[in-house]
Amino acid sequence: MINLSDPTFGLRLWFTTMLGMAGSLLIAIIVWYYTGPKNKPVKEIASMAKGSPAIDILAGVYWGMESIFPEALVVAVITILSFYIAAGEFNILGLSGIKGLFGIATAALGLQTMAGIIQTSDTFGPIVDNAVGIATLSGITDEVGTSLEKLDSVGNITKVLTKAYGMASALLTSLSILFALIADYIDTALERDHTRTNW
């Protein structure tokens, strides 16, 4: 007999939500590592530019492809942990599967609670671009050149952070929908098989 009353389920969903929020923080840290002006990837790409354009492009492609893996790993860990925390086991069938899928959905919700802050920070980039354009048109780029370069660097980082966060959020949401569809197909197939065996 299935016991539908689970007093700890709400607390477990709170943990999965906090897991999603922690994932958004980890994604921000990963993005900062790969795009920060004083970090190894950016310094190495800049040093490769002294050689030739081809080597610089290859270095950029290399670091760009590597930067995808940690974020995908964070999303995978959030998905697995949130399913296990909510369901209490790795079983996609029945009530356990529903609880696990609900845990993934609340983790995605926790990840998306930071959307307001991250999307707002993205507005810094266009503001800096406009400032650079105004300085160029007014002919004061020499006086404010260094300051504008630093501001432009920060604006590029905020743009990248928004894009990485958006992709991670979309991926986690898509995974929850995909797993729900798979679980529904499995339950439907088992019901049909059970009906056939009863005949």
N, C-alpha and C. Protein backbone atom coordinates (compact mmCIF):
# COMPACT_ATOMS: atom_id res chain seq x y z
N MET A 1 0.85 -1.20 0.00
CA MET A 1 0.00 0.00 0.00
C MET A 1 0.88 1.25 0.00
N ILE A 2 0.55 2.22 -0.81
CA ILE A 2 1.34 3.45 -0.92
C ILE A 2 0.88 4.46 0.12
N ASN A 3 1.83 4.97 0.88
CA ASN A 3 1.52 5.98 1.88
C ASN A 3 1.74 7.36 1.27
N LEU A 4 0.62 8.08 1.07
CA LEU A 4 0.71 9.38 0.42
C LEU A 4 1.13 10.48 1.39
N SER A 5 0.96 10.23 2.69
CA SER A 5 1.33 11.25 3.67
C SER A 5 2.82 11.15 3.95
N ASP A 6 3.54 12.23 3.62
CA ASP A 6 4.98 12.27 3.83
C ASP A 6 5.32 13.63 4.46
N PRO A 7 5.46 13.68 5.78
CA PRO A 7 5.68 14.98 6.44
C PRO A 7 7.00 15.65 6.08
N THR A 8 7.95 14.88 5.59
CA THR A 8 9.26 15.46 5.26
C THR A 8 9.37 15.89 3.80
N PHE A 9 8.32 15.65 3.01
CA PHE A 9 8.41 15.95 1.59
C PHE A 9 8.57 17.45 1.33
N GLY A 10 7.84 18.27 2.08
CA GLY A 10 7.97 19.71 1.92
C GLY A 10 9.37 20.21 2.23
N LEU A 11 9.97 19.64 3.28
CA LEU A 11 11.34 20.03 3.65
C LEU A 11 12.32 19.60 2.56
N ARG A 12 12.10 18.43 1.99
CA ARG A 12 12.99 17.95 0.93
C ARG A 12 12.87 18.83 -0.31
N LEU A 13 11.66 19.30 -0.60
CA LEU A 13 11.50 20.21 -1.72
C LEU A 13 12.20 21.54 -1.45
N TRP A 14 12.22 21.96 -0.20
CA TRP A 14 12.96 23.19 0.14
C TRP A 14 14.45 23.00 -0.14
N PHE A 15 14.97 21.81 0.20
CA PHE A 15 16.38 21.52 -0.07
C PHE A 15 16.66 21.51 -1.57
N THR A 16 15.77 20.97 -2.36
CA THR A 16 16.00 20.96 -3.81
C THR A 16 15.95 22.38 -4.38
N THR A 17 15.07 23.22 -3.82
CA THR A 17 15.02 24.62 -4.26
C THR A 17 16.32 25.33 -3.93
N MET A 18 16.83 25.11 -2.71
CA MET A 18 18.11 25.70 -2.32
C MET A 18 19.26 25.16 -3.19
N LEU A 19 19.12 23.90 -3.60
CA LEU A 19 20.14 23.31 -4.48
C LEU A 19 20.17 24.04 -5.82
N GLY A 20 18.98 24.38 -6.35
CA GLY A 20 18.92 25.14 -7.59
C GLY A 20 19.53 26.52 -7.45
N MET A 21 19.28 27.19 -6.32
CA MET A 21 19.86 28.51 -6.09
C MET A 21 21.38 28.43 -5.96
N ALA A 22 21.87 27.38 -5.29
CA ALA A 22 23.32 27.18 -5.18
C ALA A 22 23.92 26.92 -6.55
N GLY A 23 23.16 26.23 -7.42
CA GLY A 23 23.64 25.99 -8.78
C GLY A 23 23.81 27.28 -9.57
N SER A 24 22.90 28.24 -9.38
CA SER A 24 23.04 29.51 -10.08
C SER A 24 24.29 30.25 -9.60
N LEU A 25 24.62 30.13 -8.31
CA LEU A 25 25.84 30.75 -7.80
C LEU A 25 27.08 30.07 -8.38
N LEU A 26 27.06 28.75 -8.46
CA LEU A 26 28.19 28.02 -9.05
C LEU A 26 28.39 28.38 -10.51
N ILE A 27 27.31 28.52 -11.24
CA ILE A 27 27.41 28.90 -12.65
C ILE A 27 28.03 30.28 -12.79
N ALA A 28 27.64 31.21 -11.90
CA ALA A 28 28.23 32.55 -11.92
C ALA A 28 29.73 32.50 -11.65
N ILE A 29 30.15 31.65 -10.72
CA ILE A 29 31.58 31.51 -10.40
C ILE A 29 32.35 30.93 -11.58
N ILE A 30 31.76 29.92 -12.23
CA ILE A 30 32.40 29.30 -13.39
C ILE A 30 32.55 30.32 -14.52
N VAL A 31 31.50 31.09 -14.77
CA VAL A 31 31.55 32.11 -15.82
C VAL A 31 32.62 33.15 -15.50
N TRP A 32 32.70 33.55 -14.23
CA TRP A 32 33.71 34.54 -13.84
C TRP A 32 35.12 33.99 -14.07
N TYR A 33 35.32 32.70 -13.81
CA TYR A 33 36.65 32.12 -14.01
C TYR A 33 37.05 32.17 -15.47
N TYR A 34 36.13 31.84 -16.36
CA TYR A 34 36.47 31.75 -17.78
C TYR A 34 36.45 33.10 -18.50
N THR A 35 35.86 34.13 -17.89
CA THR A 35 35.77 35.42 -18.57
C THR A 35 36.42 36.57 -17.81
N GLY A 36 36.84 36.34 -16.56
CA GLY A 36 37.47 37.41 -15.80
C GLY A 36 38.79 37.85 -16.41
N PRO A 37 39.06 39.14 -16.46
CA PRO A 37 40.26 39.63 -17.14
C PRO A 37 41.57 39.20 -16.49
N LYS A 38 41.55 38.85 -15.22
CA LYS A 38 42.78 38.47 -14.52
C LYS A 38 42.92 36.96 -14.34
N ASN A 39 42.04 36.21 -14.96
CA ASN A 39 42.08 34.76 -14.81
C ASN A 39 42.84 34.10 -15.97
N LYS A 40 43.20 32.85 -15.76
CA LYS A 40 44.08 32.13 -16.69
C LYS A 40 43.54 32.05 -18.12
N PRO A 41 42.26 31.69 -18.35
CA PRO A 41 41.80 31.57 -19.74
C PRO A 41 41.96 32.85 -20.55
N VAL A 42 41.54 33.98 -19.98
CA VAL A 42 41.62 35.25 -20.70
C VAL A 42 43.08 35.65 -20.93
N LYS A 43 43.92 35.46 -19.92
CA LYS A 43 45.34 35.79 -20.07
C LYS A 43 46.00 34.94 -21.15
N GLU A 44 45.64 33.66 -21.19
CA GLU A 44 46.25 32.78 -22.19
C GLU A 44 45.78 33.14 -23.60
N ILE A 45 44.50 33.47 -23.75
CA ILE A 45 44.00 33.87 -25.06
C ILE A 45 44.68 35.17 -25.50
N ALA A 46 44.86 36.10 -24.56
CA ALA A 46 45.52 37.37 -24.89
C ALA A 46 46.98 37.15 -25.27
N SER A 47 47.65 36.23 -24.59
CA SER A 47 49.06 35.96 -24.92
C SER A 47 49.18 35.27 -26.27
N MET A 48 48.20 34.43 -26.63
CA MET A 48 48.22 33.77 -27.93
C MET A 48 48.03 34.78 -29.07
N ALA A 49 47.37 35.89 -28.79
CA ALA A 49 47.16 36.90 -29.82
C ALA A 49 48.46 37.53 -30.29
N LYS A 50 49.51 37.44 -29.47
CA LYS A 50 50.82 37.97 -29.86
C LYS A 50 51.47 37.12 -30.94
N GLY A 51 51.05 35.87 -31.05
CA GLY A 51 51.64 34.98 -32.05
C GLY A 51 51.03 35.19 -33.42
N SER A 52 49.81 34.66 -33.58
CA SER A 52 49.12 34.82 -34.87
C SER A 52 47.62 34.73 -34.63
N PRO A 53 46.82 35.27 -35.55
CA PRO A 53 45.37 35.19 -35.38
C PRO A 53 44.85 33.76 -35.32
N ALA A 54 45.46 32.86 -36.08
CA ALA A 54 44.99 31.46 -36.10
C ALA A 54 45.16 30.81 -34.74
N ILE A 55 46.33 31.02 -34.12
CA ILE A 55 46.57 30.44 -32.80
C ILE A 55 45.63 31.04 -31.77
N ASP A 56 45.38 32.34 -31.89
CA ASP A 56 44.48 33.01 -30.95
C ASP A 56 43.06 32.46 -31.08
N ILE A 57 42.61 32.23 -32.31
CA ILE A 57 41.27 31.68 -32.53
C ILE A 57 41.18 30.27 -31.95
N LEU A 58 42.23 29.47 -32.17
CA LEU A 58 42.24 28.10 -31.63
C LEU A 58 42.19 28.11 -30.11
N ALA A 59 42.94 29.03 -29.50
CA ALA A 59 42.92 29.13 -28.03
C ALA A 59 41.53 29.53 -27.53
N GLY A 60 40.89 30.46 -28.23
CA GLY A 60 39.55 30.87 -27.84
C GLY A 60 38.54 29.74 -27.97
N VAL A 61 38.64 28.97 -29.06
CA VAL A 61 37.75 27.82 -29.26
C VAL A 61 37.99 26.77 -28.18
N TYR A 62 39.27 26.54 -27.86
CA TYR A 62 39.62 25.54 -26.84
C TYR A 62 39.00 25.90 -25.49
N TRP A 63 39.24 27.14 -25.04
CA TRP A 63 38.71 27.55 -23.74
C TRP A 63 37.18 27.64 -23.77
N GLY A 64 36.63 28.02 -24.92
CA GLY A 64 35.17 28.08 -25.02
C GLY A 64 34.53 26.71 -24.89
N MET A 65 35.14 25.71 -25.54
CA MET A 65 34.59 24.35 -25.43
C MET A 65 34.79 23.78 -24.02
N GLU A 66 35.92 24.10 -23.41
CA GLU A 66 36.15 23.60 -22.05
C GLU A 66 35.18 24.22 -21.05
N SER A 67 34.80 25.47 -21.28
CA SER A 67 33.94 26.16 -20.33
C SER A 67 32.53 25.56 -20.27
N ILE A 68 32.15 24.80 -21.29
CA ILE A 68 30.81 24.19 -21.29
C ILE A 68 30.73 23.05 -20.28
N PHE A 69 31.82 22.30 -20.11
CA PHE A 69 31.78 21.08 -19.30
C PHE A 69 31.43 21.34 -17.84
N PRO A 70 32.07 22.29 -17.14
CA PRO A 70 31.71 22.50 -15.73
C PRO A 70 30.26 22.90 -15.53
N GLU A 71 29.71 23.71 -16.43
CA GLU A 71 28.31 24.11 -16.29
C GLU A 71 27.38 22.92 -16.53
N ALA A 72 27.69 22.09 -17.53
CA ALA A 72 26.88 20.90 -17.77
C ALA A 72 26.97 19.94 -16.59
N LEU A 73 28.15 19.86 -15.97
CA LEU A 73 28.32 19.02 -14.79
C LEU A 73 27.48 19.52 -13.63
N VAL A 74 27.44 20.83 -13.44
CA VAL A 74 26.62 21.41 -12.37
C VAL A 74 25.15 21.08 -12.58
N VAL A 75 24.66 21.21 -13.81
CA VAL A 75 23.26 20.90 -14.11
C VAL A 75 22.98 19.41 -13.89
N ALA A 76 23.92 18.55 -14.28
CA ALA A 76 23.74 17.11 -14.10
C ALA A 76 23.68 16.75 -12.61
N VAL A 77 24.57 17.33 -11.82
CA VAL A 77 24.60 17.05 -10.38
C VAL A 77 23.32 17.55 -9.72
N ILE A 78 22.86 18.74 -10.10
CA ILE A 78 21.61 19.28 -9.55
C ILE A 78 20.44 18.35 -9.89
N THR A 79 20.39 17.87 -11.13
CA THR A 79 19.31 16.99 -11.56
C THR A 79 19.29 15.70 -10.76
N ILE A 80 20.45 15.06 -10.63
CA ILE A 80 20.53 13.77 -9.93
C ILE A 80 20.24 13.94 -8.44
N LEU A 81 20.86 14.93 -7.81
CA LEU A 81 20.67 15.13 -6.38
C LEU A 81 19.24 15.54 -6.05
N SER A 82 18.66 16.44 -6.85
CA SER A 82 17.30 16.88 -6.56
C SER A 82 16.30 15.74 -6.72
N PHE A 83 16.51 14.88 -7.71
CA PHE A 83 15.64 13.71 -7.86
C PHE A 83 15.75 12.80 -6.65
N TYR A 84 16.97 12.53 -6.22
CA TYR A 84 17.18 11.61 -5.09
C TYR A 84 16.66 12.21 -3.78
N ILE A 85 16.90 13.51 -3.57
CA ILE A 85 16.45 14.15 -2.34
C ILE A 85 14.93 14.13 -2.24
N ALA A 86 14.25 14.42 -3.34
CA ALA A 86 12.78 14.47 -3.33
C ALA A 86 12.16 13.08 -3.28
N ALA A 87 12.71 12.14 -4.06
CA ALA A 87 12.12 10.80 -4.13
C ALA A 87 12.59 9.89 -3.01
N GLY A 88 13.81 10.09 -2.54
CA GLY A 88 14.36 9.19 -1.52
C GLY A 88 14.99 7.95 -2.10
N GLU A 89 14.89 7.78 -3.41
CA GLU A 89 15.47 6.64 -4.10
C GLU A 89 15.55 6.94 -5.59
N PHE A 90 16.32 6.12 -6.30
CA PHE A 90 16.42 6.28 -7.76
C PHE A 90 15.43 5.34 -8.43
N ASN A 91 14.15 5.73 -8.39
CA ASN A 91 13.09 4.94 -9.00
C ASN A 91 12.17 5.89 -9.74
N ILE A 92 12.13 5.77 -11.06
CA ILE A 92 11.35 6.70 -11.88
C ILE A 92 9.89 6.28 -12.01
N LEU A 93 9.53 5.11 -11.46
CA LEU A 93 8.17 4.59 -11.58
C LEU A 93 7.34 4.97 -10.37
N GLY A 94 6.04 5.10 -10.58
CA GLY A 94 5.10 5.29 -9.49
C GLY A 94 5.25 6.61 -8.78
N LEU A 95 4.91 6.58 -7.48
CA LEU A 95 4.93 7.79 -6.67
C LEU A 95 6.34 8.33 -6.47
N SER A 96 7.32 7.43 -6.39
CA SER A 96 8.71 7.89 -6.24
C SER A 96 9.15 8.70 -7.44
N GLY A 97 8.78 8.25 -8.62
CA GLY A 97 9.12 9.00 -9.82
C GLY A 97 8.47 10.37 -9.87
N ILE A 98 7.21 10.44 -9.42
CA ILE A 98 6.52 11.73 -9.40
C ILE A 98 7.20 12.68 -8.42
N LYS A 99 7.57 12.16 -7.25
CA LYS A 99 8.26 13.00 -6.25
C LYS A 99 9.61 13.47 -6.78
N GLY A 100 10.34 12.56 -7.42
CA GLY A 100 11.65 12.93 -7.96
C GLY A 100 11.55 13.98 -9.04
N LEU A 101 10.57 13.82 -9.94
CA LEU A 101 10.38 14.81 -11.00
C LEU A 101 9.94 16.16 -10.43
N PHE A 102 9.15 16.11 -9.37
CA PHE A 102 8.76 17.35 -8.71
C PHE A 102 9.98 18.01 -8.07
N GLY A 103 10.92 17.20 -7.55
CA GLY A 103 12.16 17.75 -7.00
C GLY A 103 12.99 18.45 -8.07
N ILE A 104 13.08 17.85 -9.26
CA ILE A 104 13.82 18.49 -10.36
C ILE A 104 13.15 19.80 -10.75
N ALA A 105 11.81 19.80 -10.78
CA ALA A 105 11.08 21.01 -11.14
C ALA A 105 11.32 22.13 -10.12
N THR A 106 11.34 21.78 -8.82
CA THR A 106 11.60 22.81 -7.81
C THR A 106 13.05 23.28 -7.84
N ALA A 107 13.97 22.41 -8.23
CA ALA A 107 15.36 22.83 -8.40
C ALA A 107 15.47 23.83 -9.55
N ALA A 108 14.74 23.56 -10.63
CA ALA A 108 14.71 24.52 -11.74
C ALA A 108 14.08 25.84 -11.30
N LEU A 109 13.06 25.75 -10.46
CA LEU A 109 12.45 26.97 -9.93
C LEU A 109 13.44 27.74 -9.06
N GLY A 110 14.22 27.01 -8.25
CA GLY A 110 15.24 27.67 -7.43
C GLY A 110 16.30 28.34 -8.27
N LEU A 111 16.67 27.69 -9.37
CA LEU A 111 17.65 28.29 -10.29
C LEU A 111 17.09 29.55 -10.92
N GLN A 112 15.79 29.55 -11.21
CA GLN A 112 15.19 30.69 -11.89
C GLN A 112 14.81 31.83 -10.95
N THR A 113 14.90 31.61 -9.63
CA THR A 113 14.62 32.70 -8.71
C THR A 113 15.66 33.81 -8.80
N MET A 114 16.84 33.48 -9.31
CA MET A 114 17.90 34.48 -9.46
C MET A 114 17.79 35.22 -10.80
N ALA A 115 16.75 34.91 -11.57
CA ALA A 115 16.65 35.51 -12.91
C ALA A 115 16.58 37.03 -12.85
N GLY A 116 15.86 37.58 -11.89
CA GLY A 116 15.73 39.03 -11.80
C GLY A 116 17.06 39.72 -11.61
N ILE A 117 17.88 39.18 -10.70
CA ILE A 117 19.19 39.79 -10.41
C ILE A 117 20.10 39.67 -11.62
N ILE A 118 20.16 38.48 -12.22
CA ILE A 118 21.09 38.24 -13.32
C ILE A 118 20.66 38.99 -14.58
N GLN A 119 19.36 39.01 -14.86
CA GLN A 119 18.89 39.73 -16.04
C GLN A 119 19.08 41.24 -15.87
N THR A 120 18.94 41.72 -14.63
CA THR A 120 19.16 43.14 -14.39
C THR A 120 20.62 43.52 -14.59
N SER A 121 21.53 42.63 -14.16
CA SER A 121 22.95 42.92 -14.35
C SER A 121 23.33 42.96 -15.82
N ASP A 122 22.54 42.32 -16.67
CA ASP A 122 22.83 42.32 -18.10
C ASP A 122 22.66 43.70 -18.71
N THR A 123 21.88 44.58 -18.07
CA THR A 123 21.67 45.92 -18.62
C THR A 123 22.94 46.77 -18.53
N PHE A 124 23.91 46.33 -17.73
CA PHE A 124 25.15 47.10 -17.62
C PHE A 124 25.91 47.13 -18.94
N GLY A 125 25.87 46.03 -19.70
CA GLY A 125 26.59 45.96 -20.97
C GLY A 125 26.15 47.00 -21.98
N PRO A 126 24.85 47.10 -22.29
CA PRO A 126 24.41 48.15 -23.23
C PRO A 126 24.71 49.57 -22.75
N ILE A 127 24.64 49.78 -21.43
CA ILE A 127 24.95 51.12 -20.92
C ILE A 127 26.41 51.47 -21.21
N VAL A 128 27.31 50.51 -20.99
CA VAL A 128 28.73 50.75 -21.26
C VAL A 128 28.96 50.94 -22.76
N ASP A 129 28.28 50.14 -23.58
CA ASP A 129 28.43 50.31 -25.03
C ASP A 129 28.00 51.70 -25.47
N ASN A 130 26.92 52.20 -24.90
CA ASN A 130 26.49 53.56 -25.22
C ASN A 130 27.52 54.59 -24.76
N ALA A 131 28.12 54.34 -23.57
CA ALA A 131 29.13 55.27 -23.07
C ALA A 131 30.34 55.30 -24.00
N VAL A 132 30.74 54.12 -24.50
CA VAL A 132 31.87 54.07 -25.44
C VAL A 132 31.52 54.81 -26.72
N GLY A 133 30.30 54.62 -27.21
CA GLY A 133 29.88 55.32 -28.42
C GLY A 133 29.85 56.83 -28.25
N ILE A 134 29.37 57.28 -27.10
CA ILE A 134 29.33 58.72 -26.83
C ILE A 134 30.75 59.29 -26.75
N ALA A 135 31.65 58.55 -26.06
CA ALA A 135 33.03 59.02 -25.94
C ALA A 135 33.72 59.07 -27.30
N THR A 136 33.43 58.09 -28.15
CA THR A 136 34.02 58.08 -29.49
C THR A 136 33.52 59.25 -30.33
N LEU A 137 32.22 59.49 -30.30
CA LEU A 137 31.65 60.58 -31.09
C LEU A 137 32.09 61.96 -30.59
N SER A 138 32.32 62.05 -29.28
CA SER A 138 32.72 63.35 -28.73
C SER A 138 34.23 63.60 -28.83
N GLY A 139 34.98 62.55 -29.21
CA GLY A 139 36.41 62.71 -29.40
C GLY A 139 37.23 62.73 -28.12
N ILE A 140 36.71 62.13 -27.03
CA ILE A 140 37.46 62.10 -25.76
C ILE A 140 37.91 60.69 -25.41
N THR A 141 38.08 59.85 -26.43
CA THR A 141 38.46 58.47 -26.15
C THR A 141 39.86 58.38 -25.54
N ASP A 142 40.76 59.30 -25.88
CA ASP A 142 42.11 59.25 -25.30
C ASP A 142 42.08 59.54 -23.81
N GLU A 143 41.25 60.48 -23.37
CA GLU A 143 41.19 60.85 -21.96
C GLU A 143 40.56 59.77 -21.11
N VAL A 144 39.56 59.10 -21.64
CA VAL A 144 38.81 58.11 -20.85
C VAL A 144 39.01 56.70 -21.39
N GLY A 145 40.05 56.49 -22.18
CA GLY A 145 40.25 55.21 -22.83
C GLY A 145 40.39 54.05 -21.88
N THR A 146 41.26 54.16 -20.88
CA THR A 146 41.49 53.07 -19.93
C THR A 146 40.24 52.76 -19.13
N SER A 147 39.55 53.79 -18.68
CA SER A 147 38.32 53.59 -17.90
C SER A 147 37.26 52.89 -18.73
N LEU A 148 37.14 53.31 -19.99
CA LEU A 148 36.13 52.69 -20.85
C LEU A 148 36.47 51.24 -21.14
N GLU A 149 37.75 50.91 -21.27
CA GLU A 149 38.14 49.53 -21.51
C GLU A 149 37.79 48.64 -20.32
N LYS A 150 38.01 49.16 -19.11
CA LYS A 150 37.67 48.38 -17.91
C LYS A 150 36.15 48.20 -17.80
N LEU A 151 35.41 49.27 -18.06
CA LEU A 151 33.96 49.17 -18.00
C LEU A 151 33.42 48.23 -19.08
N ASP A 152 34.01 48.28 -20.26
CA ASP A 152 33.59 47.39 -21.34
C ASP A 152 33.86 45.94 -20.98
N SER A 153 34.98 45.70 -20.29
CA SER A 153 35.30 44.34 -19.85
C SER A 153 34.25 43.82 -18.87
N VAL A 154 33.86 44.65 -17.92
CA VAL A 154 32.82 44.25 -16.97
C VAL A 154 31.49 44.04 -17.68
N GLY A 155 31.16 44.90 -18.63
CA GLY A 155 29.93 44.74 -19.40
C GLY A 155 29.89 43.44 -20.17
N ASN A 156 31.03 43.04 -20.75
CA ASN A 156 31.09 41.76 -21.46
C ASN A 156 30.89 40.59 -20.52
N ILE A 157 31.43 40.68 -19.30
CA ILE A 157 31.27 39.60 -18.33
C ILE A 157 29.81 39.44 -17.93
N THR A 158 29.12 40.57 -17.70
CA THR A 158 27.71 40.48 -17.33
C THR A 158 26.86 39.90 -18.46
N LYS A 159 27.23 40.21 -19.70
CA LYS A 159 26.51 39.62 -20.84
C LYS A 159 26.70 38.11 -20.89
N VAL A 160 27.94 37.68 -20.69
CA VAL A 160 28.24 36.24 -20.73
C VAL A 160 27.53 35.52 -19.58
N LEU A 161 27.51 36.14 -18.41
CA LEU A 161 26.85 35.53 -17.25
C LEU A 161 25.36 35.32 -17.54
N THR A 162 24.73 36.28 -18.16
CA THR A 162 23.31 36.15 -18.48
C THR A 162 23.07 35.02 -19.47
N LYS A 163 23.92 34.92 -20.46
CA LYS A 163 23.75 33.85 -21.46
C LYS A 163 23.97 32.48 -20.84
N ALA A 164 25.01 32.33 -20.03
CA ALA A 164 25.28 31.03 -19.39
C ALA A 164 24.16 30.65 -18.44
N TYR A 165 23.67 31.62 -17.67
CA TYR A 165 22.57 31.35 -16.75
C TYR A 165 21.31 30.95 -17.51
N GLY A 166 21.02 31.65 -18.60
CA GLY A 166 19.85 31.32 -19.41
C GLY A 166 19.92 29.91 -19.98
N MET A 167 21.10 29.52 -20.46
CA MET A 167 21.25 28.17 -21.02
C MET A 167 21.10 27.10 -19.95
N ALA A 168 21.70 27.33 -18.76
CA ALA A 168 21.59 26.36 -17.67
C ALA A 168 20.15 26.24 -17.20
N SER A 169 19.46 27.35 -17.10
CA SER A 169 18.06 27.34 -16.68
C SER A 169 17.19 26.60 -17.68
N ALA A 170 17.41 26.87 -18.96
CA ALA A 170 16.64 26.19 -20.00
C ALA A 170 16.94 24.69 -20.02
N LEU A 171 18.20 24.33 -19.80
CA LEU A 171 18.59 22.92 -19.82
C LEU A 171 17.94 22.17 -18.67
N LEU A 172 17.96 22.74 -17.46
CA LEU A 172 17.37 22.07 -16.30
C LEU A 172 15.86 21.94 -16.46
N THR A 173 15.22 22.98 -16.98
CA THR A 173 13.77 22.92 -17.22
C THR A 173 13.44 21.87 -18.28
N SER A 174 14.23 21.82 -19.34
CA SER A 174 14.00 20.83 -20.40
C SER A 174 14.20 19.42 -19.89
N LEU A 175 15.18 19.22 -19.02
CA LEU A 175 15.41 17.89 -18.45
C LEU A 175 14.23 17.44 -17.60
N SER A 176 13.66 18.35 -16.82
CA SER A 176 12.51 17.96 -16.00
C SER A 176 11.32 17.56 -16.88
N ILE A 177 11.11 18.30 -17.97
CA ILE A 177 10.02 17.95 -18.89
C ILE A 177 10.31 16.62 -19.59
N LEU A 178 11.57 16.41 -20.00
CA LEU A 178 11.94 15.17 -20.68
C LEU A 178 11.77 13.96 -19.78
N PHE A 179 12.24 14.06 -18.53
CA PHE A 179 12.11 12.94 -17.60
C PHE A 179 10.65 12.66 -17.27
N ALA A 180 9.82 13.71 -17.19
CA ALA A 180 8.39 13.51 -16.95
C ALA A 180 7.76 12.75 -18.12
N LEU A 181 8.16 13.09 -19.34
CA LEU A 181 7.64 12.40 -20.52
C LEU A 181 8.08 10.94 -20.54
N ILE A 182 9.35 10.69 -20.20
CA ILE A 182 9.85 9.31 -20.17
C ILE A 182 9.12 8.50 -19.11
N ALA A 183 8.93 9.10 -17.92
CA ALA A 183 8.24 8.40 -16.85
C ALA A 183 6.80 8.08 -17.24
N ASP A 184 6.14 8.99 -17.94
CA ASP A 184 4.77 8.76 -18.39
C ASP A 184 4.72 7.63 -19.41
N TYR A 185 5.68 7.60 -20.33
CA TYR A 185 5.72 6.51 -21.32
C TYR A 185 5.96 5.16 -20.65
N ILE A 186 6.85 5.15 -19.66
CA ILE A 186 7.14 3.89 -18.97
C ILE A 186 5.91 3.40 -18.20
N ASP A 187 5.24 4.30 -17.49
CA ASP A 187 4.03 3.92 -16.76
C ASP A 187 2.94 3.42 -17.70
N THR A 188 2.78 4.09 -18.84
CA THR A 188 1.78 3.67 -19.82
C THR A 188 2.10 2.28 -20.37
N ALA A 189 3.39 2.05 -20.66
CA ALA A 189 3.79 0.74 -21.18
C ALA A 189 3.58 -0.36 -20.15
N LEU A 190 3.88 -0.06 -18.89
CA LEU A 190 3.67 -1.06 -17.83
C LEU A 190 2.19 -1.36 -17.61
N GLU A 191 1.35 -0.32 -17.71
CA GLU A 191 -0.09 -0.54 -17.57
C GLU A 191 -0.63 -1.41 -18.70
N ARG A 192 -0.16 -1.16 -19.93
CA ARG A 192 -0.61 -1.98 -21.06
C ARG A 192 -0.14 -3.42 -20.89
N ASP A 193 1.11 -3.60 -20.43
CA ASP A 193 1.63 -4.94 -20.23
C ASP A 193 0.86 -5.66 -19.13
N HIS A 194 0.51 -4.93 -18.07
CA HIS A 194 -0.26 -5.53 -16.97
C HIS A 194 -1.67 -5.91 -17.44
N THR A 195 -2.27 -5.08 -18.32
CA THR A 195 -3.60 -5.38 -18.84
C THR A 195 -3.58 -6.62 -19.72
N ARG A 196 -2.53 -6.76 -20.54
CA ARG A 196 -2.41 -7.92 -21.42
C ARG A 196 -2.22 -9.20 -20.62
N THR A 197 -1.43 -9.14 -19.55
CA THR A 197 -1.18 -10.34 -18.76
C THR A 197 -2.44 -10.77 -18.01
N ASN A 198 -3.30 -9.81 -17.64
CA ASN A 198 -4.54 -10.16 -16.97
C ASN A 198 -5.53 -10.86 -17.89
N TRP A 199 -5.42 -10.59 -19.21
CA TRP A 199 -6.29 -11.29 -20.16
C TRP A 199 -5.91 -12.75 -20.21
